[in-house]
């Protein structure tokens, strides 16, 4: 299986980065408009984009507090698997790594899918960085 990995340094400790994802009151500041509830292992979470009037469900497969989040999305949570790793450094900064697996290497559109996927993760991580480091909300500003 083909996967796509995206990384970014966030100048905040891993617990703040972790909470930005799992706390439904925070996710709307950088990614989706809303999250139905706190992310916990085994839960199905509904994520909503109000701007596009769409929503989808993810299945939380694994949580290691402040270190790792694994979820599935697409095809009722069985499509792609996303692993978010948080590696905190002594200076209080965190490298966040997002790996998305499940791309079909035989798909004619594979390269376009990988490029779109990478663009989406880079944009989301940029919005996360802006939110956590500077308190600004950049989400839903990307125009394709």
N, C-alpha and C. Protein backbone atom coordinates (compact mmCIF):
# COMPACT_ATOMS: atom_id res chain seq x y z
N UNK A 1 0.82 -1.19 0.00
CA UNK A 1 0.00 0.00 0.00
C UNK A 1 0.87 1.26 0.00
N UNK A 2 0.40 2.24 -0.70
CA UNK A 2 1.07 3.53 -0.78
C UNK A 2 0.59 4.39 0.40
N UNK A 3 1.53 5.15 0.99
CA UNK A 3 1.13 6.08 2.03
C UNK A 3 1.74 7.44 1.75
N UNK A 4 1.26 8.43 2.46
CA UNK A 4 1.70 9.81 2.31
C UNK A 4 2.03 10.34 3.70
N UNK A 5 3.21 10.91 3.88
CA UNK A 5 3.63 11.40 5.19
C UNK A 5 3.88 12.90 5.11
N UNK A 6 3.34 13.62 6.10
CA UNK A 6 3.49 15.07 6.18
C UNK A 6 3.91 15.41 7.61
N UNK A 7 4.91 16.29 7.75
CA UNK A 7 5.41 16.66 9.08
C UNK A 7 5.51 18.17 9.20
N UNK A 8 5.36 18.64 10.45
CA UNK A 8 5.56 20.06 10.74
C UNK A 8 5.94 20.23 12.20
N UNK A 9 6.74 21.24 12.46
CA UNK A 9 7.13 21.57 13.84
C UNK A 9 6.15 22.61 14.37
N UNK A 10 5.61 22.34 15.55
CA UNK A 10 4.71 23.24 16.24
C UNK A 10 5.42 23.68 17.53
N UNK A 11 5.48 24.95 17.77
CA UNK A 11 6.20 25.46 18.95
C UNK A 11 5.31 25.44 20.19
N UNK A 12 4.77 24.27 20.47
CA UNK A 12 3.93 24.03 21.64
C UNK A 12 4.17 22.60 22.11
N UNK A 13 3.93 22.32 23.40
CA UNK A 13 4.10 20.95 23.90
C UNK A 13 3.06 20.00 23.32
N UNK A 14 3.40 18.73 23.33
CA UNK A 14 2.54 17.73 22.68
C UNK A 14 1.13 17.68 23.28
N UNK A 15 0.97 17.94 24.58
CA UNK A 15 -0.37 17.87 25.15
C UNK A 15 -1.29 18.93 24.55
N UNK A 16 -0.73 20.12 24.21
CA UNK A 16 -1.56 21.15 23.58
C UNK A 16 -1.94 20.76 22.15
N UNK A 17 -1.02 20.15 21.43
CA UNK A 17 -1.30 19.70 20.07
C UNK A 17 -2.34 18.59 20.11
N UNK A 18 -2.16 17.63 21.01
CA UNK A 18 -3.10 16.52 21.17
C UNK A 18 -4.50 17.04 21.48
N UNK A 19 -4.61 17.95 22.43
CA UNK A 19 -5.93 18.48 22.83
C UNK A 19 -6.61 19.23 21.70
N UNK A 20 -5.83 19.87 20.83
CA UNK A 20 -6.42 20.59 19.70
C UNK A 20 -7.23 19.64 18.82
N UNK A 21 -6.79 18.40 18.70
CA UNK A 21 -7.51 17.40 17.90
C UNK A 21 -8.68 16.79 18.65
N UNK A 22 -8.46 16.35 19.86
CA UNK A 22 -9.45 15.52 20.55
C UNK A 22 -10.54 16.32 21.25
N UNK A 23 -10.32 17.59 21.53
CA UNK A 23 -11.30 18.43 22.22
C UNK A 23 -12.21 19.08 21.19
N UNK A 24 -13.50 18.75 21.20
CA UNK A 24 -14.40 19.29 20.17
C UNK A 24 -14.53 20.81 20.19
N UNK A 25 -14.19 21.45 21.29
CA UNK A 25 -14.27 22.91 21.34
C UNK A 25 -13.07 23.58 20.67
N UNK A 26 -12.05 22.80 20.32
CA UNK A 26 -10.82 23.37 19.73
C UNK A 26 -10.66 23.09 18.25
N UNK A 27 -11.17 21.97 17.77
CA UNK A 27 -10.89 21.55 16.39
C UNK A 27 -11.39 22.57 15.35
N UNK A 28 -12.46 23.29 15.68
CA UNK A 28 -13.01 24.29 14.76
C UNK A 28 -12.12 25.50 14.56
N UNK A 29 -11.07 25.60 15.34
CA UNK A 29 -10.13 26.71 15.19
C UNK A 29 -9.05 26.46 14.14
N UNK A 30 -8.99 25.22 13.61
CA UNK A 30 -7.94 24.96 12.63
C UNK A 30 -8.30 23.92 11.57
N UNK A 31 -9.34 23.09 11.77
CA UNK A 31 -9.58 22.03 10.80
C UNK A 31 -11.05 21.98 10.40
N UNK A 32 -11.83 21.11 11.00
CA UNK A 32 -13.26 21.01 10.71
C UNK A 32 -14.02 22.06 11.49
N UNK A 33 -15.23 22.38 11.06
CA UNK A 33 -16.07 23.32 11.80
C UNK A 33 -16.42 22.78 13.17
N UNK A 34 -16.70 21.47 13.22
CA UNK A 34 -17.09 20.88 14.49
C UNK A 34 -16.78 19.39 14.52
N UNK A 35 -16.74 18.89 15.75
CA UNK A 35 -16.52 17.47 16.04
C UNK A 35 -17.62 17.08 17.03
N UNK A 36 -18.26 15.95 16.81
CA UNK A 36 -19.44 15.58 17.60
C UNK A 36 -19.15 15.32 19.07
N UNK A 37 -17.94 14.88 19.40
CA UNK A 37 -17.60 14.61 20.79
C UNK A 37 -16.10 14.45 20.93
N UNK A 38 -15.64 14.30 22.15
CA UNK A 38 -14.22 14.11 22.42
C UNK A 38 -13.76 12.80 21.78
N UNK A 39 -12.58 12.84 21.16
CA UNK A 39 -12.05 11.66 20.50
C UNK A 39 -11.55 10.67 21.55
N UNK A 40 -12.08 9.45 21.49
CA UNK A 40 -11.67 8.37 22.38
C UNK A 40 -11.62 7.09 21.56
N UNK A 41 -10.69 6.22 21.93
CA UNK A 41 -10.52 4.95 21.23
C UNK A 41 -11.85 4.20 21.17
N UNK A 42 -12.18 3.70 19.98
CA UNK A 42 -13.40 2.93 19.77
C UNK A 42 -14.61 3.76 19.40
N UNK A 43 -14.54 5.07 19.51
CA UNK A 43 -15.67 5.95 19.20
C UNK A 43 -15.73 6.26 17.71
N UNK A 44 -16.94 6.50 17.24
CA UNK A 44 -17.16 7.04 15.91
C UNK A 44 -17.51 8.51 16.08
N UNK A 45 -16.75 9.37 15.43
CA UNK A 45 -16.87 10.82 15.57
C UNK A 45 -17.38 11.39 14.25
N UNK A 46 -18.35 12.29 14.34
CA UNK A 46 -18.84 12.98 13.16
C UNK A 46 -18.14 14.33 13.07
N UNK A 47 -17.48 14.56 11.95
CA UNK A 47 -16.80 15.82 11.68
C UNK A 47 -17.59 16.58 10.62
N UNK A 48 -17.73 17.88 10.80
CA UNK A 48 -18.56 18.68 9.90
C UNK A 48 -17.81 19.89 9.38
N UNK A 49 -18.00 20.16 8.08
CA UNK A 49 -17.55 21.40 7.45
C UNK A 49 -18.81 22.21 7.15
N UNK A 50 -19.09 23.22 7.95
CA UNK A 50 -20.27 24.05 7.72
C UNK A 50 -20.19 24.80 6.39
N UNK A 51 -18.98 25.24 6.02
CA UNK A 51 -18.80 26.03 4.81
C UNK A 51 -19.22 25.28 3.55
N UNK A 52 -19.08 23.98 3.58
CA UNK A 52 -19.38 23.17 2.39
C UNK A 52 -20.63 22.32 2.59
N UNK A 53 -21.27 22.45 3.76
CA UNK A 53 -22.46 21.69 4.12
C UNK A 53 -22.24 20.19 3.93
N UNK A 54 -21.10 19.71 4.45
CA UNK A 54 -20.80 18.28 4.39
C UNK A 54 -20.32 17.81 5.76
N UNK A 55 -20.50 16.53 5.96
CA UNK A 55 -19.99 15.91 7.18
C UNK A 55 -19.61 14.47 6.87
N UNK A 56 -18.79 13.91 7.74
CA UNK A 56 -18.36 12.53 7.58
C UNK A 56 -17.96 11.97 8.93
N UNK A 57 -17.93 10.66 8.99
CA UNK A 57 -17.57 9.98 10.22
C UNK A 57 -16.16 9.42 10.14
N UNK A 58 -15.49 9.44 11.29
CA UNK A 58 -14.21 8.76 11.44
C UNK A 58 -14.34 7.78 12.60
N UNK A 59 -13.57 6.73 12.55
CA UNK A 59 -13.54 5.73 13.62
C UNK A 59 -12.19 5.84 14.30
N UNK A 60 -12.20 6.12 15.61
CA UNK A 60 -10.95 6.24 16.36
C UNK A 60 -10.46 4.83 16.68
N UNK A 61 -9.33 4.47 16.11
CA UNK A 61 -8.78 3.12 16.23
C UNK A 61 -7.82 2.99 17.40
N UNK A 62 -7.09 4.07 17.69
CA UNK A 62 -6.10 4.00 18.76
C UNK A 62 -5.81 5.41 19.27
N UNK A 63 -5.67 5.51 20.59
CA UNK A 63 -5.27 6.77 21.24
C UNK A 63 -4.18 6.45 22.25
N UNK A 64 -3.07 7.15 22.15
CA UNK A 64 -2.03 7.13 23.17
C UNK A 64 -1.85 8.59 23.57
N UNK A 65 -2.43 8.97 24.69
CA UNK A 65 -2.55 10.37 25.08
C UNK A 65 -1.24 11.13 24.92
N UNK A 66 -1.37 12.27 24.21
CA UNK A 66 -0.27 13.21 23.95
C UNK A 66 0.82 12.65 23.04
N UNK A 67 0.60 11.45 22.47
CA UNK A 67 1.63 10.83 21.63
C UNK A 67 1.12 10.35 20.27
N UNK A 68 -0.11 9.81 20.24
CA UNK A 68 -0.55 9.14 19.00
C UNK A 68 -2.07 9.11 18.91
N UNK A 69 -2.56 9.35 17.69
CA UNK A 69 -3.98 9.21 17.35
C UNK A 69 -4.04 8.45 16.04
N UNK A 70 -4.83 7.39 15.99
CA UNK A 70 -5.03 6.63 14.75
C UNK A 70 -6.53 6.57 14.48
N UNK A 71 -6.92 6.94 13.26
CA UNK A 71 -8.33 6.86 12.90
C UNK A 71 -8.49 6.43 11.45
N UNK A 72 -9.67 5.91 11.15
CA UNK A 72 -10.00 5.52 9.79
C UNK A 72 -11.10 6.42 9.26
N UNK A 73 -11.01 6.74 7.97
CA UNK A 73 -12.09 7.50 7.35
C UNK A 73 -12.29 7.04 5.92
N UNK A 74 -13.45 7.38 5.39
CA UNK A 74 -13.82 6.90 4.06
C UNK A 74 -14.35 5.48 4.16
N UNK A 75 -15.32 5.16 3.35
CA UNK A 75 -15.91 3.82 3.34
C UNK A 75 -16.25 3.35 4.76
N UNK A 76 -16.97 4.20 5.50
CA UNK A 76 -17.40 3.87 6.87
C UNK A 76 -16.22 3.60 7.81
N UNK A 77 -15.13 4.33 7.62
CA UNK A 77 -13.97 4.19 8.50
C UNK A 77 -13.01 3.10 8.08
N UNK A 78 -13.32 2.42 6.96
CA UNK A 78 -12.46 1.34 6.50
C UNK A 78 -11.63 1.72 5.27
N UNK A 79 -11.70 2.96 4.84
CA UNK A 79 -10.99 3.39 3.64
C UNK A 79 -9.53 3.63 3.91
N UNK A 80 -9.20 4.83 4.34
CA UNK A 80 -7.82 5.21 4.65
C UNK A 80 -7.63 5.22 6.16
N UNK A 81 -6.40 4.92 6.57
CA UNK A 81 -6.03 4.99 7.99
C UNK A 81 -5.04 6.13 8.15
N UNK A 82 -5.33 7.00 9.11
CA UNK A 82 -4.48 8.16 9.39
C UNK A 82 -3.85 7.96 10.76
N UNK A 83 -2.53 8.10 10.81
CA UNK A 83 -1.80 8.03 12.07
C UNK A 83 -1.16 9.38 12.32
N UNK A 84 -1.49 9.96 13.47
CA UNK A 84 -0.90 11.23 13.90
C UNK A 84 0.05 10.93 15.04
N UNK A 85 1.34 11.21 14.82
CA UNK A 85 2.36 10.99 15.85
C UNK A 85 2.84 12.35 16.37
N UNK A 86 2.99 12.45 17.68
CA UNK A 86 3.46 13.67 18.32
C UNK A 86 4.77 13.37 19.04
N UNK A 87 5.83 14.04 18.62
CA UNK A 87 7.15 13.83 19.22
C UNK A 87 7.60 15.15 19.85
N UNK A 88 7.50 15.20 21.20
CA UNK A 88 7.86 16.43 21.91
C UNK A 88 9.36 16.46 22.21
N UNK A 89 9.93 17.67 22.10
CA UNK A 89 11.34 17.89 22.37
C UNK A 89 11.52 18.62 23.70
N UNK A 90 12.74 18.62 24.20
CA UNK A 90 13.05 19.24 25.49
C UNK A 90 12.69 20.73 25.54
N UNK A 91 12.70 21.39 24.40
CA UNK A 91 12.39 22.82 24.38
C UNK A 91 10.89 23.10 24.39
N UNK A 92 10.07 22.04 24.48
CA UNK A 92 8.62 22.20 24.53
C UNK A 92 7.96 22.26 23.17
N UNK A 93 8.73 22.10 22.10
CA UNK A 93 8.14 22.05 20.76
C UNK A 93 7.78 20.61 20.42
N UNK A 94 6.95 20.45 19.40
CA UNK A 94 6.48 19.13 18.99
C UNK A 94 6.58 18.99 17.48
N UNK A 95 7.13 17.88 17.04
CA UNK A 95 7.04 17.52 15.63
C UNK A 95 5.79 16.67 15.49
N UNK A 96 4.88 17.12 14.64
CA UNK A 96 3.68 16.33 14.36
C UNK A 96 3.88 15.68 13.00
N UNK A 97 3.63 14.38 12.95
CA UNK A 97 3.75 13.61 11.71
C UNK A 97 2.40 12.98 11.42
N UNK A 98 1.92 13.18 10.22
CA UNK A 98 0.66 12.58 9.79
C UNK A 98 0.95 11.64 8.64
N UNK A 99 0.57 10.38 8.83
CA UNK A 99 0.74 9.38 7.78
C UNK A 99 -0.64 8.89 7.38
N UNK A 100 -0.95 9.00 6.10
CA UNK A 100 -2.21 8.47 5.57
C UNK A 100 -1.91 7.27 4.69
N UNK A 101 -2.55 6.16 5.01
CA UNK A 101 -2.36 4.91 4.27
C UNK A 101 -3.67 4.49 3.61
N UNK A 102 -3.56 3.75 2.54
CA UNK A 102 -4.76 3.21 1.90
C UNK A 102 -4.92 3.61 0.45
N UNK A 103 -3.91 4.25 -0.11
CA UNK A 103 -3.98 4.63 -1.52
C UNK A 103 -3.77 3.41 -2.40
N UNK A 104 -4.50 3.35 -3.50
CA UNK A 104 -4.40 2.24 -4.44
C UNK A 104 -3.31 2.55 -5.47
N UNK A 105 -2.23 1.80 -5.43
CA UNK A 105 -1.10 2.06 -6.33
C UNK A 105 -1.45 1.83 -7.79
N UNK A 106 -2.56 1.16 -8.08
CA UNK A 106 -2.96 0.90 -9.46
C UNK A 106 -3.96 1.93 -9.99
N UNK A 107 -4.34 2.88 -9.17
CA UNK A 107 -5.30 3.90 -9.58
C UNK A 107 -4.62 4.86 -10.56
N UNK A 108 -5.29 5.13 -11.68
CA UNK A 108 -4.74 6.04 -12.69
C UNK A 108 -4.52 7.44 -12.13
N UNK A 109 -5.28 7.81 -11.13
CA UNK A 109 -5.21 9.15 -10.54
C UNK A 109 -4.33 9.20 -9.29
N UNK A 110 -3.50 8.19 -9.07
CA UNK A 110 -2.72 8.10 -7.83
C UNK A 110 -1.89 9.35 -7.58
N UNK A 111 -1.16 9.82 -8.56
CA UNK A 111 -0.29 10.99 -8.36
C UNK A 111 -1.12 12.20 -7.97
N UNK A 112 -2.23 12.43 -8.66
CA UNK A 112 -3.10 13.56 -8.32
C UNK A 112 -3.67 13.40 -6.92
N UNK A 113 -4.05 12.18 -6.54
CA UNK A 113 -4.57 11.94 -5.20
C UNK A 113 -3.52 12.23 -4.13
N UNK A 114 -2.30 11.78 -4.37
CA UNK A 114 -1.22 12.01 -3.41
C UNK A 114 -0.90 13.51 -3.28
N UNK A 115 -0.89 14.21 -4.39
CA UNK A 115 -0.63 15.65 -4.36
C UNK A 115 -1.74 16.40 -3.63
N UNK A 116 -3.00 16.08 -3.94
CA UNK A 116 -4.13 16.71 -3.24
C UNK A 116 -4.10 16.39 -1.75
N UNK A 117 -3.77 15.15 -1.44
CA UNK A 117 -3.71 14.72 -0.05
C UNK A 117 -2.63 15.49 0.70
N UNK A 118 -1.45 15.58 0.12
CA UNK A 118 -0.34 16.30 0.75
C UNK A 118 -0.71 17.76 0.94
N UNK A 119 -1.32 18.36 -0.08
CA UNK A 119 -1.74 19.76 0.02
C UNK A 119 -2.72 19.95 1.18
N UNK A 120 -3.65 19.04 1.33
CA UNK A 120 -4.62 19.14 2.41
C UNK A 120 -3.99 19.04 3.78
N UNK A 121 -3.07 18.09 3.95
CA UNK A 121 -2.42 17.94 5.26
C UNK A 121 -1.51 19.12 5.57
N UNK A 122 -0.77 19.61 4.57
CA UNK A 122 0.08 20.78 4.80
C UNK A 122 -0.78 21.98 5.20
N UNK A 123 -1.90 22.15 4.52
CA UNK A 123 -2.79 23.27 4.85
C UNK A 123 -3.34 23.13 6.27
N UNK A 124 -3.82 21.94 6.62
CA UNK A 124 -4.37 21.74 7.96
C UNK A 124 -3.30 21.99 9.01
N UNK A 125 -2.08 21.48 8.79
CA UNK A 125 -1.00 21.69 9.77
C UNK A 125 -0.61 23.16 9.86
N UNK A 126 -0.65 23.89 8.77
CA UNK A 126 -0.39 25.32 8.79
C UNK A 126 -1.45 26.04 9.62
N UNK A 127 -2.70 25.64 9.45
CA UNK A 127 -3.79 26.22 10.25
C UNK A 127 -3.61 25.88 11.73
N UNK A 128 -3.19 24.64 12.03
CA UNK A 128 -2.94 24.22 13.40
C UNK A 128 -1.82 25.08 14.01
N UNK A 129 -0.76 25.27 13.27
CA UNK A 129 0.38 26.08 13.73
C UNK A 129 -0.07 27.51 14.01
N UNK A 130 -0.82 28.09 13.09
CA UNK A 130 -1.33 29.45 13.28
C UNK A 130 -2.20 29.57 14.52
N UNK A 131 -3.07 28.58 14.72
CA UNK A 131 -3.96 28.59 15.87
C UNK A 131 -3.20 28.44 17.19
N UNK A 132 -2.35 27.40 17.27
CA UNK A 132 -1.67 27.13 18.54
C UNK A 132 -0.58 28.15 18.87
N UNK A 133 0.17 28.60 17.87
CA UNK A 133 1.28 29.50 18.14
C UNK A 133 0.88 30.97 18.19
N UNK A 134 -0.16 31.34 17.43
CA UNK A 134 -0.49 32.76 17.30
C UNK A 134 -1.95 33.10 17.57
N UNK A 135 -2.78 32.08 17.82
CA UNK A 135 -4.19 32.33 18.13
C UNK A 135 -5.01 32.82 16.95
N UNK A 136 -4.54 32.54 15.73
CA UNK A 136 -5.29 32.97 14.55
C UNK A 136 -6.01 31.77 13.91
N UNK A 137 -7.13 32.04 13.30
CA UNK A 137 -7.92 31.00 12.64
C UNK A 137 -7.80 31.18 11.14
N UNK A 138 -7.08 30.26 10.48
CA UNK A 138 -6.85 30.31 9.04
C UNK A 138 -7.72 29.32 8.28
N UNK A 139 -8.48 28.49 8.98
CA UNK A 139 -9.21 27.40 8.33
C UNK A 139 -10.24 27.90 7.32
N UNK A 140 -10.54 27.06 6.38
CA UNK A 140 -11.54 27.31 5.34
C UNK A 140 -11.17 28.51 4.47
N UNK A 141 -9.89 28.83 4.36
CA UNK A 141 -9.45 29.92 3.51
C UNK A 141 -8.83 29.42 2.21
N UNK A 142 -8.52 28.12 2.14
CA UNK A 142 -7.89 27.56 0.95
C UNK A 142 -8.91 27.51 -0.19
N UNK A 143 -8.51 28.02 -1.35
CA UNK A 143 -9.37 28.01 -2.52
C UNK A 143 -8.69 27.19 -3.59
N UNK A 144 -9.42 26.25 -4.18
CA UNK A 144 -8.86 25.41 -5.23
C UNK A 144 -9.41 25.83 -6.56
